Amino acid sequence: MKKWIITLGLSVAVTACTREAGYEVDQGVFGNATLNNVQVMNGELTYAQILGQRFAAEVPTQINFAFDSAQLDATAQRILLRQADWIKQFPEARFRVYGHTDAVGSAGYNKALGQRRANAAVAFLTQQGISRSRLEAVVSFGKSRPLIDTPDRDRRNRRTVTEVSGFVDRAPQLLDGKYAEVIYREYVASAVRESYIAREDTSSGGE
Protein backbone atom coordinates (compact mmCIF):
# COMPACT_ATOMS: atom_id res chain seq x y z
CA MET A 1 0.00 0.00 0.00
CA LYS A 2 2.82 2.43 0.92
CA LYS A 3 4.56 1.76 -2.41
CA TRP A 4 1.31 2.48 -4.28
CA ILE A 5 0.88 5.81 -2.45
CA ILE A 6 4.45 6.89 -3.28
CA THR A 7 3.92 5.97 -6.94
CA LEU A 8 0.68 7.93 -7.06
CA GLY A 9 2.39 10.97 -5.52
CA LEU A 10 5.17 10.86 -8.13
CA SER A 11 2.57 10.52 -10.87
CA VAL A 12 0.78 13.64 -9.66
CA ALA A 13 4.06 15.56 -9.55
CA VAL A 14 4.97 14.48 -13.09
CA THR A 15 1.52 15.48 -14.32
CA ALA A 16 1.93 18.93 -12.79
CA CYS A 17 5.37 19.31 -14.40
CA THR A 18 4.10 18.41 -17.85
CA ARG A 19 1.21 20.89 -17.97
CA GLU A 20 1.56 23.60 -20.55
CA ALA A 21 1.96 27.19 -19.48
CA GLY A 22 -1.39 28.82 -19.90
CA TYR A 23 -3.41 25.68 -19.23
CA GLU A 24 -5.56 27.61 -16.72
CA VAL A 25 -6.56 30.03 -19.46
CA ASP A 26 -7.72 27.16 -21.65
CA GLN A 27 -10.52 25.77 -19.54
CA GLY A 28 -14.28 26.08 -19.70
CA VAL A 29 -15.14 29.59 -20.80
CA PHE A 30 -11.90 30.17 -22.69
CA GLY A 31 -12.06 26.54 -23.78
CA ASN A 32 -11.25 25.68 -27.32
CA ALA A 33 -9.36 28.66 -28.71
CA THR A 34 -10.29 27.87 -32.31
CA LEU A 35 -14.00 27.70 -31.47
CA ASN A 36 -13.85 31.01 -29.61
CA ASN A 37 -11.99 32.66 -32.50
CA VAL A 38 -14.62 31.45 -34.97
CA GLN A 39 -17.44 32.72 -32.76
CA VAL A 40 -15.77 36.11 -32.38
CA MET A 41 -15.17 36.41 -36.12
CA ASN A 42 -18.80 35.48 -36.81
CA GLY A 43 -20.06 38.05 -34.34
CA GLU A 44 -21.51 35.33 -32.09
CA LEU A 45 -19.20 36.11 -29.18
CA THR A 46 -17.36 39.23 -28.04
CA TYR A 47 -14.16 39.45 -26.06
CA ALA A 48 -16.09 41.11 -23.24
CA GLN A 49 -18.50 38.19 -23.19
CA ILE A 50 -15.64 35.72 -22.88
CA LEU A 51 -14.24 37.67 -19.93
CA GLY A 52 -17.72 38.01 -18.48
CA GLN A 53 -18.24 34.24 -18.58
CA ARG A 54 -15.02 33.77 -16.69
CA PHE A 55 -16.00 36.37 -14.07
CA ALA A 56 -19.31 34.57 -13.49
CA ALA A 57 -17.54 31.22 -13.21
CA GLU A 58 -14.83 32.31 -10.77
CA VAL A 59 -16.56 34.62 -8.27
CA PRO A 60 -20.10 35.07 -6.93
CA THR A 61 -21.71 37.84 -8.97
CA GLN A 62 -24.73 38.40 -6.72
CA ILE A 63 -25.30 39.82 -3.25
CA ASN A 64 -28.58 39.93 -1.32
CA PHE A 65 -30.28 42.40 1.00
CA ALA A 66 -32.64 42.53 3.95
CA PHE A 67 -36.22 43.66 3.29
CA ASP A 68 -36.53 47.35 2.36
CA SER A 69 -32.79 47.88 2.88
CA ALA A 70 -29.74 48.88 0.86
CA GLN A 71 -27.29 48.09 3.67
CA LEU A 72 -24.48 45.65 2.93
CA ASP A 73 -24.35 42.86 5.50
CA ALA A 74 -21.20 40.87 6.31
CA THR A 75 -21.92 38.22 3.68
CA ALA A 76 -22.47 40.82 0.97
CA GLN A 77 -19.22 42.56 1.89
CA ARG A 78 -17.26 39.29 1.71
CA ILE A 79 -18.64 38.62 -1.77
CA LEU A 80 -17.86 42.15 -2.93
CA LEU A 81 -14.30 41.79 -1.63
CA ARG A 82 -13.93 38.69 -3.82
CA GLN A 83 -15.34 40.61 -6.77
CA ALA A 84 -12.92 43.47 -6.11
CA ASP A 85 -9.94 41.12 -6.02
CA TRP A 86 -10.96 39.66 -9.38
CA ILE A 87 -11.68 43.06 -10.94
CA LYS A 88 -8.23 44.34 -9.93
CA GLN A 89 -6.62 41.57 -12.00
CA PHE A 90 -8.22 42.93 -15.18
CA PRO A 91 -7.65 46.70 -15.36
CA GLU A 92 -8.78 46.68 -19.00
CA ALA A 93 -12.34 45.68 -18.12
CA ARG A 94 -15.37 47.74 -17.16
CA PHE A 95 -18.27 46.51 -15.03
CA ARG A 96 -21.94 47.28 -14.49
CA VAL A 97 -23.99 46.66 -11.36
CA TYR A 98 -27.72 45.91 -11.65
CA GLY A 99 -30.10 46.46 -8.73
CA HIS A 100 -33.22 44.38 -8.06
CA THR A 101 -35.98 44.14 -5.45
CA ASP A 102 -38.75 41.75 -4.52
CA ALA A 103 -42.37 42.41 -5.53
CA VAL A 104 -43.54 44.08 -2.32
CA GLY A 105 -44.15 47.82 -2.84
CA SER A 106 -44.85 50.10 -5.77
CA ALA A 107 -42.84 50.00 -9.00
CA GLY A 108 -41.51 53.51 -8.44
CA TYR A 109 -40.39 52.84 -4.88
CA ASN A 110 -38.72 49.56 -5.84
CA LYS A 111 -36.90 51.12 -8.77
CA ALA A 112 -35.39 53.70 -6.41
CA LEU A 113 -34.56 50.98 -3.86
CA GLY A 114 -32.85 48.88 -6.52
CA GLN A 115 -30.83 51.92 -7.50
CA ARG A 116 -29.73 52.48 -3.90
CA ARG A 117 -28.66 48.86 -3.60
CA ALA A 118 -26.62 49.05 -6.78
CA ASN A 119 -25.09 52.34 -5.65
CA ALA A 120 -24.12 50.73 -2.33
CA ALA A 121 -22.33 47.89 -4.12
CA VAL A 122 -20.51 50.30 -6.44
CA ALA A 123 -19.46 52.50 -3.52
CA PHE A 124 -18.02 49.49 -1.70
CA LEU A 125 -16.07 48.40 -4.78
CA THR A 126 -14.59 51.87 -5.21
CA GLN A 127 -13.54 51.82 -1.55
CA GLN A 128 -11.39 48.81 -2.43
CA GLY A 129 -9.37 50.94 -4.84
CA ILE A 130 -11.26 50.33 -8.09
CA SER A 131 -11.66 53.44 -10.23
CA ARG A 132 -15.24 54.69 -10.45
CA SER A 133 -14.67 55.20 -14.19
CA ARG A 134 -14.49 51.41 -14.57
CA LEU A 135 -17.89 50.90 -12.98
CA GLU A 136 -20.40 51.91 -15.64
CA ALA A 137 -23.76 53.60 -15.15
CA VAL A 138 -25.70 51.73 -12.50
CA VAL A 139 -29.00 50.30 -13.72
CA SER A 140 -32.01 49.39 -11.57
CA PHE A 141 -34.64 46.92 -12.73
CA GLY A 142 -36.66 47.31 -9.53
CA LYS A 143 -39.03 44.36 -9.20
CA SER A 144 -39.37 43.68 -12.95
CA ARG A 145 -36.89 40.78 -13.15
CA PRO A 146 -37.36 38.46 -10.17
CA LEU A 147 -35.42 35.24 -9.78
CA ILE A 148 -38.39 33.77 -7.94
CA ASP A 149 -41.82 34.61 -9.31
CA THR A 150 -43.74 35.45 -6.16
CA PRO A 151 -45.72 38.48 -4.92
CA ASP A 152 -44.34 37.93 -1.41
CA ARG A 153 -41.11 38.90 0.26
CA ASP A 154 -38.21 36.82 -1.01
CA ARG A 155 -34.57 37.53 -0.16
CA ARG A 156 -33.38 35.88 -3.36
CA ASN A 157 -35.03 38.66 -5.37
CA ARG A 158 -33.52 41.44 -3.25
CA ARG A 159 -30.13 41.54 -4.92
CA THR A 160 -27.52 43.22 -7.05
CA VAL A 161 -25.68 41.51 -9.88
CA THR A 162 -22.24 42.54 -11.15
CA GLU A 163 -21.32 41.88 -14.78
CA VAL A 164 -18.49 42.65 -17.19
CA SER A 165 -19.73 45.32 -19.59
CA GLY A 166 -16.75 45.88 -21.89
CA PHE A 167 -13.26 47.30 -22.02
CA VAL A 168 -12.03 50.65 -20.77
CA ASP A 169 -11.26 51.80 -24.31
CA ARG A 170 -14.34 51.31 -26.46
CA ALA A 171 -12.54 51.74 -29.80
CA PRO A 172 -13.42 48.54 -31.74
CA GLN A 173 -10.01 48.25 -33.35
CA LEU A 174 -8.39 48.03 -29.90
CA LEU A 175 -10.58 45.27 -28.49
CA ASP A 176 -8.42 42.51 -29.95
CA GLY A 177 -5.31 44.07 -28.45
CA LYS A 178 -6.95 44.47 -25.05
CA TYR A 179 -8.07 40.86 -25.04
CA ALA A 180 -4.62 39.70 -26.13
CA GLU A 181 -3.08 41.56 -23.18
CA VAL A 182 -5.40 39.74 -20.79
CA ILE A 183 -4.63 36.33 -22.28
CA TYR A 184 -0.87 36.89 -22.35
CA ARG A 185 -0.78 38.07 -18.73
CA GLU A 186 -2.77 35.01 -17.63
CA TYR A 187 -0.55 32.76 -19.73
CA VAL A 188 2.62 33.98 -18.01
CA ALA A 189 1.06 33.95 -14.53
CA SER A 190 -0.17 30.37 -14.88
CA ALA A 191 3.31 29.19 -15.89
CA VAL A 192 4.82 30.74 -12.76
CA ARG A 193 2.17 29.19 -10.51
CA GLU A 194 2.63 25.73 -11.96
CA SER A 195 6.41 25.82 -11.69
CA TYR A 196 6.11 26.59 -7.98
CA ILE A 197 3.60 23.80 -7.37
CA ALA A 198 5.66 21.33 -9.33
CA ARG A 199 8.77 22.05 -7.23
CA GLU A 200 6.82 21.51 -4.01
CA ASP A 201 5.34 18.24 -5.22
CA THR A 202 8.74 16.96 -6.32
CA SER A 203 10.44 17.79 -3.03
CA SER A 204 7.67 16.20 -0.95
CA GLY A 205 7.86 13.08 -3.10
CA GLY A 206 11.54 12.76 -2.29
CA GLU A 207 10.92 12.60 1.44
C-alpha atoms as a PDB file:
ATOM      1  CA  MET A   1       0.000   0.000   0.000  1.00  0.00           C
ATOM      2  CA  LYS A   2       2.819   2.426   0.917  1.00  0.00           C
ATOM      3  CA  LYS A   3       4.558   1.757  -2.412  1.00  0.00           C
ATOM      4  CA  TRP A   4       1.314   2.479  -4.275  1.00  0.00           C
ATOM      5  CA  ILE A   5       0.877   5.810  -2.451  1.00  0.00           C
ATOM      6  CA  ILE A   6       4.449   6.889  -3.285  1.00  0.00           C
ATOM      7  CA  THR A   7       3.918   5.965  -6.942  1.00  0.00           C
ATOM      8  CA  LEU A   8       0.681   7.928  -7.060  1.00  0.00           C
ATOM      9  CA  GLY A   9       2.392  10.972  -5.525  1.00  0.00           C
ATOM     10  CA  LEU A  10       5.167  10.856  -8.132  1.00  0.00           C
ATOM     11  CA  SER A  11       2.569  10.517 -10.867  1.00  0.00           C
ATOM     12  CA  VAL A  12       0.777  13.637  -9.661  1.00  0.00           C
ATOM     13  CA  ALA A  13       4.056  15.557  -9.549  1.00  0.00           C
ATOM     14  CA  VAL A  14       4.970  14.475 -13.090  1.00  0.00           C
ATOM     15  CA  THR A  15       1.516  15.477 -14.320  1.00  0.00           C
ATOM     16  CA  ALA A  16       1.931  18.928 -12.794  1.00  0.00           C
ATOM     17  CA  CYS A  17       5.368  19.310 -14.397  1.00  0.00           C
ATOM     18  CA  THR A  18       4.099  18.415 -17.847  1.00  0.00           C
ATOM     19  CA  ARG A  19       1.207  20.892 -17.969  1.00  0.00           C
ATOM     20  CA  GLU A  20       1.558  23.600 -20.548  1.00  0.00           C
ATOM     21  CA  ALA A  21       1.958  27.191 -19.483  1.00  0.00           C
ATOM     22  CA  GLY A  22      -1.392  28.817 -19.903  1.00  0.00           C
ATOM     23  CA  TYR A  23      -3.409  25.680 -19.226  1.00  0.00           C
ATOM     24  CA  GLU A  24      -5.558  27.614 -16.720  1.00  0.00           C
ATOM     25  CA  VAL A  25      -6.558  30.034 -19.458  1.00  0.00           C
ATOM     26  CA  ASP A  26      -7.720  27.158 -21.652  1.00  0.00           C
ATOM     27  CA  GLN A  27     -10.521  25.770 -19.538  1.00  0.00           C
ATOM     28  CA  GLY A  28     -14.275  26.082 -19.696  1.00  0.00           C
ATOM     29  CA  VAL A  29     -15.138  29.592 -20.804  1.00  0.00           C
ATOM     30  CA  PHE A  30     -11.904  30.172 -22.692  1.00  0.00           C
ATOM     31  CA  GLY A  31     -12.057  26.541 -23.778  1.00  0.00           C
ATOM     32  CA  ASN A  32     -11.248  25.683 -27.323  1.00  0.00           C
ATOM     33  CA  ALA A  33      -9.362  28.658 -28.715  1.00  0.00           C
ATOM     34  CA  THR A  34     -10.295  27.873 -32.306  1.00  0.00           C
ATOM     35  CA  LEU A  35     -13.998  27.705 -31.474  1.00  0.00           C
ATOM     36  CA  ASN A  36     -13.846  31.014 -29.612  1.00  0.00           C
ATOM     37  CA  ASN A  37     -11.992  32.656 -32.502  1.00  0.00           C
ATOM     38  CA  VAL A  38     -14.623  31.454 -34.972  1.00  0.00           C
ATOM     39  CA  GLN A  39     -17.441  32.721 -32.758  1.00  0.00           C
ATOM     40  CA  VAL A  40     -15.773  36.110 -32.381  1.00  0.00           C
ATOM     41  CA  MET A  41     -15.168  36.412 -36.123  1.00  0.00           C
ATOM     42  CA  ASN A  42     -18.797  35.480 -36.813  1.00  0.00           C
ATOM     43  CA  GLY A  43     -20.056  38.050 -34.336  1.00  0.00           C
ATOM     44  CA  GLU A  44     -21.514  35.330 -32.095  1.00  0.00           C
ATOM     45  CA  LEU A  45     -19.202  36.106 -29.178  1.00  0.00           C
ATOM     46  CA  THR A  46     -17.358  39.228 -28.042  1.00  0.00           C
ATOM     47  CA  TYR A  47     -14.155  39.452 -26.056  1.00  0.00           C
ATOM     48  CA  ALA A  48     -16.087  41.114 -23.241  1.00  0.00           C
ATOM     49  CA  GLN A  49     -18.501  38.186 -23.192  1.00  0.00           C
ATOM     50  CA  ILE A  50     -15.636  35.719 -22.877  1.00  0.00           C
ATOM     51  CA  LEU A  51     -14.243  37.668 -19.935  1.00  0.00           C
ATOM     52  CA  GLY A  52     -17.725  38.006 -18.476  1.00  0.00           C
ATOM     53  CA  GLN A  53     -18.245  34.244 -18.577  1.00  0.00           C
ATOM     54  CA  ARG A  54     -15.020  33.771 -16.693  1.00  0.00           C
ATOM     55  CA  PHE A  55     -15.999  36.369 -14.071  1.00  0.00           C
ATOM     56  CA  ALA A  56     -19.312  34.569 -13.492  1.00  0.00           C
ATOM     57  CA  ALA A  57     -17.539  31.216 -13.208  1.00  0.00           C
ATOM     58  CA  GLU A  58     -14.827  32.307 -10.770  1.00  0.00           C
ATOM     59  CA  VAL A  59     -16.558  34.616  -8.271  1.00  0.00           C
ATOM     60  CA  PRO A  60     -20.100  35.074  -6.928  1.00  0.00           C
ATOM     61  CA  THR A  61     -21.707  37.838  -8.969  1.00  0.00           C
ATOM     62  CA  GLN A  62     -24.733  38.400  -6.724  1.00  0.00           C
ATOM     63  CA  ILE A  63     -25.296  39.822  -3.248  1.00  0.00           C
ATOM     64  CA  ASN A  64     -28.580  39.925  -1.318  1.00  0.00           C
ATOM     65  CA  PHE A  65     -30.278  42.398   0.997  1.00  0.00           C
ATOM     66  CA  ALA A  66     -32.642  42.530   3.950  1.00  0.00           C
ATOM     67  CA  PHE A  67     -36.224  43.655   3.288  1.00  0.00           C
ATOM     68  CA  ASP A  68     -36.529  47.350   2.362  1.00  0.00           C
ATOM     69  CA  SER A  69     -32.788  47.876   2.881  1.00  0.00           C
ATOM     70  CA  ALA A  70     -29.744  48.883   0.861  1.00  0.00           C
ATOM     71  CA  GLN A  71     -27.293  48.094   3.675  1.00  0.00           C
ATOM     72  CA  LEU A  72     -24.478  45.652   2.928  1.00  0.00           C
ATOM     73  CA  ASP A  73     -24.348  42.865   5.498  1.00  0.00           C
ATOM     74  CA  ALA A  74     -21.203  40.865   6.313  1.00  0.00           C
ATOM     75  CA  THR A  75     -21.925  38.218   3.681  1.00  0.00           C
ATOM     76  CA  ALA A  76     -22.465  40.820   0.968  1.00  0.00           C
ATOM     77  CA  GLN A  77     -19.222  42.564   1.892  1.00  0.00           C
ATOM     78  CA  ARG A  78     -17.259  39.295   1.709  1.00  0.00           C
ATOM     79  CA  ILE A  79     -18.638  38.625  -1.774  1.00  0.00           C
ATOM     80  CA  LEU A  80     -17.858  42.152  -2.934  1.00  0.00           C
ATOM     81  CA  LEU A  81     -14.303  41.788  -1.633  1.00  0.00           C
ATOM     82  CA  ARG A  82     -13.926  38.694  -3.824  1.00  0.00           C
ATOM     83  CA  GLN A  83     -15.341  40.614  -6.770  1.00  0.00           C
ATOM     84  CA  ALA A  84     -12.924  43.474  -6.110  1.00  0.00           C
ATOM     85  CA  ASP A  85      -9.936  41.118  -6.015  1.00  0.00           C
ATOM     86  CA  TRP A  86     -10.962  39.661  -9.379  1.00  0.00           C
ATOM     87  CA  ILE A  87     -11.680  43.062 -10.937  1.00  0.00           C
ATOM     88  CA  LYS A  88      -8.231  44.336  -9.931  1.00  0.00           C
ATOM     89  CA  GLN A  89      -6.624  41.570 -12.003  1.00  0.00           C
ATOM     90  CA  PHE A  90      -8.216  42.931 -15.180  1.00  0.00           C
ATOM     91  CA  PRO A  91      -7.650  46.699 -15.359  1.00  0.00           C
ATOM     92  CA  GLU A  92      -8.783  46.680 -19.004  1.00  0.00           C
ATOM     93  CA  ALA A  93     -12.336  45.680 -18.122  1.00  0.00           C
ATOM     94  CA  ARG A  94     -15.371  47.737 -17.158  1.00  0.00           C
ATOM     95  CA  PHE A  95     -18.267  46.514 -15.029  1.00  0.00           C
ATOM     96  CA  ARG A  96     -21.937  47.281 -14.492  1.00  0.00           C
ATOM     97  CA  VAL A  97     -23.986  46.665 -11.357  1.00  0.00           C
ATOM     98  CA  TYR A  98     -27.716  45.909 -11.653  1.00  0.00           C
ATOM     99  CA  GLY A  99     -30.100  46.461  -8.731  1.00  0.00           C
ATOM    100  CA  HIS A 100     -33.218  44.381  -8.056  1.00  0.00           C
ATOM    101  CA  THR A 101     -35.979  44.141  -5.446  1.00  0.00           C
ATOM    102  CA  ASP A 102     -38.753  41.753  -4.523  1.00  0.00           C
ATOM    103  CA  ALA A 103     -42.368  42.415  -5.532  1.00  0.00           C
ATOM    104  CA  VAL A 104     -43.542  44.082  -2.324  1.00  0.00           C
ATOM    105  CA  GLY A 105     -44.146  47.816  -2.838  1.00  0.00           C
ATOM    106  CA  SER A 106     -44.848  50.102  -5.771  1.00  0.00           C
ATOM    107  CA  ALA A 107     -42.840  49.998  -9.000  1.00  0.00           C
ATOM    108  CA  GLY A 108     -41.508  53.513  -8.443  1.00  0.00           C
ATOM    109  CA  TYR A 109     -40.391  52.844  -4.878  1.00  0.00           C
ATOM    110  CA  ASN A 110     -38.722  49.565  -5.842  1.00  0.00           C
ATOM    111  CA  LYS A 111     -36.902  51.120  -8.767  1.00  0.00           C
ATOM    112  CA  ALA A 112     -35.393  53.702  -6.405  1.00  0.00           C
ATOM    113  CA  LEU A 113     -34.565  50.984  -3.863  1.00  0.00           C
ATOM    114  CA  GLY A 114     -32.852  48.875  -6.518  1.00  0.00           C
ATOM    115  CA  GLN A 115     -30.828  51.919  -7.502  1.00  0.00           C
ATOM    116  CA  ARG A 116     -29.733  52.483  -3.899  1.00  0.00           C
ATOM    117  CA  ARG A 117     -28.658  48.858  -3.602  1.00  0.00           C
ATOM    118  CA  ALA A 118     -26.622  49.047  -6.783  1.00  0.00           C
ATOM    119  CA  ASN A 119     -25.088  52.337  -5.645  1.00  0.00           C
ATOM    120  CA  ALA A 120     -24.119  50.730  -2.335  1.00  0.00           C
ATOM    121  CA  ALA A 121     -22.330  47.892  -4.124  1.00  0.00           C
ATOM    122  CA  VAL A 122     -20.506  50.302  -6.444  1.00  0.00           C
ATOM    123  CA  ALA A 123     -19.464  52.499  -3.518  1.00  0.00           C
ATOM    124  CA  PHE A 124     -18.023  49.490  -1.702  1.00  0.00           C
ATOM    125  CA  LEU A 125     -16.068  48.396  -4.778  1.00  0.00           C
ATOM    126  CA  THR A 126     -14.595  51.870  -5.209  1.00  0.00           C
ATOM    127  CA  GLN A 127     -13.536  51.824  -1.552  1.00  0.00           C
ATOM    128  CA  GLN A 128     -11.391  48.812  -2.434  1.00  0.00           C
ATOM    129  CA  GLY A 129      -9.371  50.941  -4.836  1.00  0.00           C
ATOM    130  CA  ILE A 130     -11.262  50.332  -8.089  1.00  0.00           C
ATOM    131  CA  SER A 131     -11.664  53.440 -10.230  1.00  0.00           C
ATOM    132  CA  ARG A 132     -15.237  54.690 -10.454  1.00  0.00           C
ATOM    133  CA  SER A 133     -14.672  55.196 -14.187  1.00  0.00           C
ATOM    134  CA  ARG A 134     -14.492  51.407 -14.574  1.00  0.00           C
ATOM    135  CA  LEU A 135     -17.895  50.904 -12.983  1.00  0.00           C
ATOM    136  CA  GLU A 136     -20.397  51.908 -15.645  1.00  0.00           C
ATOM    137  CA  ALA A 137     -23.755  53.604 -15.148  1.00  0.00           C
ATOM    138  CA  VAL A 138     -25.702  51.728 -12.503  1.00  0.00           C
ATOM    139  CA  VAL A 139     -29.004  50.300 -13.721  1.00  0.00           C
ATOM    140  CA  SER A 140     -32.009  49.392 -11.574  1.00  0.00           C
ATOM    141  CA  PHE A 141     -34.636  46.917 -12.729  1.00  0.00           C
ATOM    142  CA  GLY A 142     -36.659  47.309  -9.534  1.00  0.00           C
ATOM    143  CA  LYS A 143     -39.034  44.361  -9.202  1.00  0.00           C
ATOM    144  CA  SER A 144     -39.366  43.683 -12.946  1.00  0.00           C
ATOM    145  CA  ARG A 145     -36.890  40.778 -13.153  1.00  0.00           C
ATOM    146  CA  PRO A 146     -37.359  38.464 -10.172  1.00  0.00           C
ATOM    147  CA  LEU A 147     -35.422  35.240  -9.780  1.00  0.00           C
ATOM    148  CA  ILE A 148     -38.390  33.766  -7.938  1.00  0.00           C
ATOM    149  CA  ASP A 149     -41.817  34.613  -9.311  1.00  0.00           C
ATOM    150  CA  THR A 150     -43.741  35.449  -6.161  1.00  0.00           C
ATOM    151  CA  PRO A 151     -45.720  38.482  -4.919  1.00  0.00           C
ATOM    152  CA  ASP A 152     -44.343  37.930  -1.414  1.00  0.00           C
ATOM    153  CA  ARG A 153     -41.111  38.905   0.257  1.00  0.00           C
ATOM    154  CA  ASP A 154     -38.205  36.819  -1.015  1.00  0.00           C
ATOM    155  CA  ARG A 155     -34.575  37.535  -0.161  1.00  0.00           C
ATOM    156  CA  ARG A 156     -33.381  35.881  -3.362  1.00  0.00           C
ATOM    157  CA  ASN A 157     -35.034  38.661  -5.374  1.00  0.00           C
ATOM    158  CA  ARG A 158     -33.522  41.435  -3.255  1.00  0.00           C
ATOM    159  CA  ARG A 159     -30.129  41.539  -4.919  1.00  0.00           C
ATOM    160  CA  THR A 160     -27.519  43.222  -7.050  1.00  0.00           C
ATOM    161  CA  VAL A 161     -25.681  41.506  -9.883  1.00  0.00           C
ATOM    162  CA  THR A 162     -22.237  42.544 -11.146  1.00  0.00           C
ATOM    163  CA  GLU A 163     -21.323  41.884 -14.784  1.00  0.00           C
ATOM    164  CA  VAL A 164     -18.488  42.645 -17.192  1.00  0.00           C
ATOM    165  CA  SER A 165     -19.729  45.323 -19.585  1.00  0.00           C
ATOM    166  CA  GLY A 166     -16.754  45.884 -21.889  1.00  0.00           C
ATOM    167  CA  PHE A 167     -13.262  47.298 -22.019  1.00  0.00           C
ATOM    168  CA  VAL A 168     -12.033  50.655 -20.768  1.00  0.00           C
ATOM    169  CA  ASP A 169     -11.260  51.804 -24.313  1.00  0.00           C
ATOM    170  CA  ARG A 170     -14.343  51.312 -26.462  1.00  0.00           C
ATOM    171  CA  ALA A 171     -12.539  51.740 -29.798  1.00  0.00           C
ATOM    172  CA  PRO A 172     -13.422  48.539 -31.738  1.00  0.00           C
ATOM    173  CA  GLN A 173     -10.007  48.250 -33.350  1.00  0.00           C
ATOM    174  CA  LEU A 174      -8.392  48.032 -29.899  1.00  0.00           C
ATOM    175  CA  LEU A 175     -10.582  45.272 -28.494  1.00  0.00           C
ATOM    176  CA  ASP A 176      -8.419  42.514 -29.949  1.00  0.00           C
ATOM    177  CA  GLY A 177      -5.311  44.066 -28.451  1.00  0.00           C
ATOM    178  CA  LYS A 178      -6.951  44.473 -25.050  1.00  0.00           C
ATOM    179  CA  TYR A 179      -8.074  40.857 -25.044  1.00  0.00           C
ATOM    180  CA  ALA A 180      -4.624  39.703 -26.135  1.00  0.00           C
ATOM    181  CA  GLU A 181      -3.079  41.561 -23.184  1.00  0.00           C
ATOM    182  CA  VAL A 182      -5.398  39.743 -20.785  1.00  0.00           C
ATOM    183  CA  ILE A 183      -4.630  36.327 -22.275  1.00  0.00           C
ATOM    184  CA  TYR A 184      -0.870  36.894 -22.351  1.00  0.00           C
ATOM    185  CA  ARG A 185      -0.782  38.067 -18.732  1.00  0.00           C
ATOM    186  CA  GLU A 186      -2.773  35.013 -17.629  1.00  0.00           C
ATOM    187  CA  TYR A 187      -0.546  32.755 -19.733  1.00  0.00           C
ATOM    188  CA  VAL A 188       2.618  33.978 -18.012  1.00  0.00           C
ATOM    189  CA  ALA A 189       1.055  33.945 -14.534  1.00  0.00           C
ATOM    190  CA  SER A 190      -0.167  30.368 -14.882  1.00  0.00           C
ATOM    191  CA  ALA A 191       3.315  29.187 -15.892  1.00  0.00           C
ATOM    192  CA  VAL A 192       4.815  30.739 -12.764  1.00  0.00           C
ATOM    193  CA  ARG A 193       2.174  29.194 -10.505  1.00  0.00           C
ATOM    194  CA  GLU A 194       2.626  25.730 -11.964  1.00  0.00           C
ATOM    195  CA  SER A 195       6.411  25.817 -11.690  1.00  0.00           C
ATOM    196  CA  TYR A 196       6.109  26.587  -7.984  1.00  0.00           C
ATOM    197  CA  ILE A 197       3.600  23.798  -7.371  1.00  0.00           C
ATOM    198  CA  ALA A 198       5.663  21.327  -9.330  1.00  0.00           C
ATOM    199  CA  ARG A 199       8.767  22.047  -7.225  1.00  0.00           C
ATOM    200  CA  GLU A 200       6.816  21.513  -4.012  1.00  0.00           C
ATOM    201  CA  ASP A 201       5.336  18.237  -5.221  1.00  0.00           C
ATOM    202  CA  THR A 202       8.739  16.963  -6.322  1.00  0.00           C
ATOM    203  CA  SER A 203      10.438  17.788  -3.031  1.00  0.00           C
ATOM    204  CA  SER A 204       7.670  16.203  -0.951  1.00  0.00           C
ATOM    205  CA  GLY A 205       7.858  13.078  -3.105  1.00  0.00           C
ATOM    206  CA  GLY A 206      11.545  12.759  -2.291  1.00  0.00           C
ATOM    207  CA  GLU A 207      10.924  12.601   1.444  1.00  0.00           C
END
